[in-house]
Every structure is written in structure tokens, then in C-alpha cells.
Protein backbone atom coordinates (compact mmCIF):
# COMPACT_ATOMS: atom_id res chain seq x y z
CA MET A 1 -14.35 16.33 43.06
CA ILE A 2 -14.51 17.99 40.00
CA GLY A 3 -11.40 20.50 40.87
CA ASN A 4 -9.82 16.84 41.70
CA ARG A 5 -10.25 15.46 38.26
CA ILE A 6 -8.96 18.89 36.64
CA ALA A 7 -5.87 18.85 38.65
CA LEU A 8 -5.62 15.16 37.74
CA ALA A 9 -5.97 15.94 33.99
CA THR A 10 -3.79 18.76 34.37
CA LEU A 11 -1.04 16.46 35.64
CA CYS A 12 -1.54 13.93 33.38
CA ILE A 13 -1.06 16.35 30.06
CA ALA A 14 2.02 17.50 31.37
CA ALA A 15 3.43 14.57 32.46
CA ALA A 16 2.43 13.45 28.63
CA GLY A 17 3.98 16.76 27.48
CA ILE A 18 7.19 15.87 29.70
CA PHE A 19 7.44 12.11 28.29
CA ALA A 20 6.91 13.46 24.70
CA THR A 21 9.72 16.13 25.28
CA SER A 22 12.43 13.33 26.43
CA ALA A 23 11.38 10.99 23.90
CA ARG A 24 11.96 13.44 21.11
CA ALA A 25 15.42 14.62 23.05
CA GLN A 26 16.34 11.23 22.47
CA ASP A 27 15.44 10.45 19.34
CA ASP A 28 16.67 14.20 17.64
CA GLU A 29 18.30 12.38 14.67
CA VAL A 30 15.30 10.78 13.91
CA LYS A 31 12.84 13.10 11.20
CA HIS A 32 9.15 12.15 12.56
CA PHE A 33 7.25 12.68 9.77
CA LYS A 34 7.99 11.25 5.93
CA ILE A 35 6.06 12.15 2.56
CA TYR A 36 6.99 10.39 0.11
CA GLY A 37 5.84 9.58 -3.91
CA GLY A 38 7.34 8.23 -6.71
CA PRO A 39 6.76 5.25 -9.63
CA ALA A 40 5.26 1.66 -8.78
CA TYR A 41 5.66 -1.63 -10.30
CA VAL A 42 2.70 -3.88 -9.87
CA ALA A 43 3.80 -7.95 -10.39
CA PRO A 44 0.46 -9.87 -9.69
CA MET A 45 1.84 -13.46 -8.43
CA GLU A 46 -1.41 -15.88 -9.06
CA ASP A 47 -3.88 -16.40 -12.27
CA SER A 48 -7.29 -18.49 -12.07
CA ASP A 49 -9.25 -20.52 -14.36
CA VAL A 50 -12.58 -18.77 -14.89
CA THR A 51 -15.40 -18.84 -17.21
CA ILE A 52 -16.56 -15.83 -19.25
CA GLY A 53 -19.61 -15.99 -21.10
CA THR A 54 -19.42 -20.09 -22.61
CA VAL A 55 -15.55 -20.11 -22.26
CA THR A 56 -13.32 -21.25 -19.73
CA ASP A 57 -9.45 -20.43 -19.23
CA SER A 58 -7.02 -18.96 -17.54
CA ILE A 59 -7.29 -15.35 -16.51
CA GLU A 60 -4.60 -13.06 -14.81
CA ALA A 61 -3.65 -9.19 -14.34
CA GLU A 62 -0.88 -8.13 -16.10
CA LYS A 63 2.53 -6.37 -14.78
CA GLN A 64 1.86 -2.86 -14.76
CA VAL A 65 3.85 0.83 -13.78
CA GLY A 66 1.57 2.96 -11.75
CA TRP A 67 2.44 5.57 -9.16
CA ASN A 68 2.63 5.09 -5.29
CA ILE A 69 2.41 8.55 -2.67
CA GLY A 70 2.28 8.22 0.87
CA PHE A 71 3.52 9.27 4.26
CA GLU A 72 4.69 8.05 7.58
CA GLY A 73 4.48 9.00 11.81
CA ARG A 74 7.11 7.65 13.86
CA PHE A 75 6.52 7.10 17.61
CA ASN A 76 10.32 6.84 17.88
CA LYS A 77 13.04 5.70 16.57
CA TRP A 78 11.91 1.94 16.31
CA PHE A 79 7.93 2.45 15.11
CA GLY A 80 5.98 4.32 13.18
CA LEU A 81 2.33 4.26 11.00
CA GLU A 82 2.64 4.51 7.25
CA LEU A 83 -0.03 5.13 4.95
CA ASP A 84 0.18 4.62 1.37
CA TYR A 85 -1.92 5.21 -2.36
CA VAL A 86 -1.07 3.17 -5.30
CA ASP A 87 -2.69 3.76 -8.62
CA ALA A 88 -2.30 1.68 -11.94
CA GLN A 89 -3.94 0.35 -14.88
CA THR A 90 -3.73 -3.44 -15.12
CA ASP A 91 -4.07 -5.14 -18.35
CA VAL A 92 -6.46 -8.37 -18.26
CA SER A 93 -5.86 -11.49 -20.02
CA PHE A 94 -7.79 -14.60 -20.75
CA GLY A 95 -6.05 -17.23 -21.89
CA GLY A 96 -2.76 -15.36 -22.82
CA THR A 97 -5.10 -12.94 -25.14
CA THR A 98 -5.77 -9.47 -24.20
CA ILE A 99 -9.42 -8.76 -22.98
CA GLY A 100 -9.60 -5.18 -21.18
CA GLU A 101 -8.13 -3.34 -18.33
CA THR A 102 -9.19 -2.52 -15.01
CA ASN A 103 -7.63 -0.41 -12.37
CA PHE A 104 -5.72 -1.23 -9.33
CA SER A 105 -6.01 1.22 -5.96
CA PRO A 106 -4.91 0.17 -2.86
CA LEU A 107 -5.19 1.95 -0.17
CA THR A 108 -2.67 0.22 2.48
CA ALA A 109 -1.95 0.96 6.55
CA THR A 110 1.74 -0.80 7.54
CA PHE A 111 3.30 -0.58 10.93
CA ASN A 112 6.80 -0.30 10.57
CA ILE A 113 9.47 -1.50 12.51
CA HIS A 114 12.81 0.29 11.96
CA LEU A 115 15.15 -2.61 12.62
CA VAL A 116 18.38 -0.27 11.21
CA HIS A 117 17.90 3.66 11.86
CA ALA A 118 21.54 5.00 11.35
CA LYS A 119 22.20 8.62 9.89
CA VAL A 120 22.14 7.36 6.36
CA VAL A 121 20.18 4.39 6.27
CA ASP A 122 16.95 3.10 7.37
CA PHE A 123 15.58 0.01 7.01
CA TYR A 124 12.51 -1.28 8.12
CA LEU A 125 9.07 -3.90 7.66
CA GLY A 126 6.33 -4.72 9.32
CA PRO A 127 2.53 -5.96 8.81
CA SER A 128 0.01 -4.05 6.38
CA TYR A 129 -3.28 -4.21 5.87
CA SER A 130 -4.94 -3.01 2.26
CA TRP A 131 -8.18 -2.09 1.12
CA VAL A 132 -8.45 -2.36 -2.67
CA ASN A 133 -10.67 -0.40 -5.02
CA TRP A 134 -10.73 -2.50 -7.98
CA GLY A 135 -12.15 -0.36 -11.48
CA ASP A 136 -14.51 -2.60 -13.12
CA ILE A 137 -12.70 -4.56 -16.24
CA SER A 138 -13.20 -2.36 -19.06
CA LEU A 139 -13.40 -5.17 -22.11
CA ASN A 140 -11.78 -4.83 -25.82
CA THR A 141 -13.26 -5.93 -28.79
CA GLU A 142 -12.27 -9.61 -28.07
CA GLY A 143 -13.43 -9.49 -24.34
CA SER A 144 -16.88 -7.83 -25.77
CA THR A 145 -17.02 -10.87 -27.71
CA ILE A 146 -16.41 -13.56 -25.40
CA ASN A 147 -18.15 -11.89 -22.52
CA GLY A 148 -21.21 -10.24 -24.40
CA GLY A 149 -20.76 -6.98 -22.80
CA SER A 150 -18.60 -4.17 -22.40
CA GLU A 151 -17.54 -4.33 -18.75
CA ILE A 152 -17.34 -6.95 -15.87
CA GLY A 153 -18.39 -5.36 -12.78
CA THR A 154 -15.64 -5.95 -9.82
CA ASP A 155 -16.07 -5.49 -5.85
CA SER A 156 -13.46 -3.72 -3.56
CA SER A 157 -11.35 -6.53 -1.53
CA SER A 158 -9.27 -5.98 1.67
CA ASN A 159 -6.60 -8.52 3.37
CA TRP A 160 -3.36 -8.39 5.25
CA GLY A 161 0.08 -8.28 3.79
CA VAL A 162 3.86 -7.81 4.28
CA SER A 163 6.10 -4.80 3.66
CA LEU A 164 9.85 -3.67 3.76
CA GLY A 165 11.81 -0.62 2.81
CA ILE A 166 14.83 1.43 3.13
CA ASP A 167 15.92 4.85 2.60
CA PHE A 168 19.18 6.76 2.29
CA ASN A 169 18.83 10.08 3.91
CA ILE A 170 20.15 13.20 1.41
CA GLY A 171 21.22 15.41 3.97
CA GLU A 172 18.51 16.99 7.02
CA HIS A 173 15.59 16.76 4.80
CA PHE A 174 15.57 14.21 2.13
CA ALA A 175 15.72 10.59 1.11
CA ILE A 176 15.50 8.28 -1.65
CA GLY A 177 14.26 5.10 -1.11
CA ALA A 178 12.93 1.56 -2.12
CA GLY A 179 10.06 -1.07 -0.95
CA LEU A 180 8.36 -3.81 -1.59
CA LYS A 181 5.05 -5.06 -0.49
CA TYR A 182 3.40 -8.11 -1.03
CA LEU A 183 -0.88 -8.15 -0.97
CA ASN A 184 -3.21 -10.99 -0.03
CA VAL A 185 -5.78 -9.78 -2.36
CA ASP A 186 -7.49 -10.96 -5.20
CA LEU A 187 -9.85 -9.37 -7.40
CA GLU A 188 -13.57 -10.50 -6.89
CA THR A 189 -16.17 -9.85 -9.70
CA SER A 190 -19.89 -8.37 -8.84
CA SER A 191 -21.04 -12.38 -10.04
CA GLY A 192 -19.10 -13.72 -7.28
CA GLN A 193 -15.97 -15.18 -9.34
CA THR A 194 -12.87 -14.70 -7.33
CA TYR A 195 -9.59 -13.92 -10.30
CA GLY A 196 -6.22 -14.72 -8.20
CA VAL A 197 -4.17 -11.73 -7.88
CA LYS A 198 -2.22 -11.36 -4.64
CA PRO A 199 0.66 -8.96 -6.21
CA LEU A 200 3.86 -7.77 -5.54
CA VAL A 201 4.26 -3.76 -5.22
CA ALA A 202 7.99 -2.49 -5.85
CA ARG A 203 8.27 0.81 -5.45
CA LEU A 204 10.98 3.72 -5.65
CA THR A 205 10.46 7.16 -4.09
CA ALA A 206 11.94 10.34 -3.17
CA ALA A 207 10.96 11.80 0.30
CA PHE A 208 10.93 14.81 2.33
CA ARG A 209 11.56 14.03 6.10
CA PHE A 210 10.54 16.65 9.23
């Protein structure tokens, strides 16, 4: 009985190896791994009316430039799984006045569907899921005066989004690209208030493919 199980397991492994070799042979033109990095532009799409101290007004995160790194593994020429990380210092304004800054650091997984996978151009899109580590809002003099303290505590948040991107292949192993990601996430404070953010994240990348 044990021998039969070993034989069956060996057969399954051999079949999987043959299938993987066949799939790779059919996708010779596709590089199955990509590592990339570059600048990211974070553009919050929402703001909220909240109360800080005794003052109620509109609060919003400002547009900022940060950086982005990530990698993608391709199952075949059609589908891939991408993981990327963005880091950006974002100013926070209250009633039109900058009161401090926070750190926007989403870690995002995306299931990419490669609709165009030609020799030079690779266009893809897919659903994303992000976990965002918000840094505590470090208040400046104006913010401290309104809040009565030096910072506002925040909690991490997570939610779905959608991503798209395009790569222009340069030779066999290199590419330059651009992408756009919408994240349905907001900034939540430790006191339970939610600040609308829902950012668009645009990126420019240089990639190594292998």
C-alpha cells in the first residue's frame, strides 16, 4: 500500500514536471519573473470633515512622490501574481492648512491578467488587495495648537483595489514601464475617526526580467 502511494506520488511529480516543461516551452517568449523599482506618485481622491480638538473642518492627505519596488511571477503568458510596496511621506492638511505628515506604506498583491503580451509591449490589469501601514500623524506647530498634542495615532487598514500597467521590453532582460493603481483605503485614527483618502498611485519603473 505504501509502495503504491509512493509510486502514485512519483507519477504525479513526473507529470507535473512534464506539464511545467511543456508550458515553459510554449511560453518561451515570456520571462517568468520580473523585479522592478522606481518613483511613485500618490494622489488621494477624497477628503473628510472631522473634528480635531474643538475644531471641525475638512482634512485631507496631500499629493506626494515616493518610491515603489516589487516583483511578479508569471504562471504563463496570460496570468501572473505581483507583490509591490510603496513608501511615501504625505502631508496632512486641515481646513487648507498643513498640520503635519504621515507615512503611506501599502503592501499590495495583484492578480495580473496579461491581455497583450507581445515581444515589445506587455499590457496587464487585475484586482488588488492592499494592507496599508499608516504612520502616526506627526503634527507641526499649527497641528499641535489645534489638537493639543504632538501627534495623532493611526491604525493600519486594508481593502480591495484595481491595478493596470504597461511594460516596454528592451532586449531580452530589461523593460521600462508605467502603472496606475486605485486603492479603496482610508486613514483610520486610533480614536476611531476615519479620514477619506482612496488614493490613486501612479508609478514609473525600470525592470529586470528573467
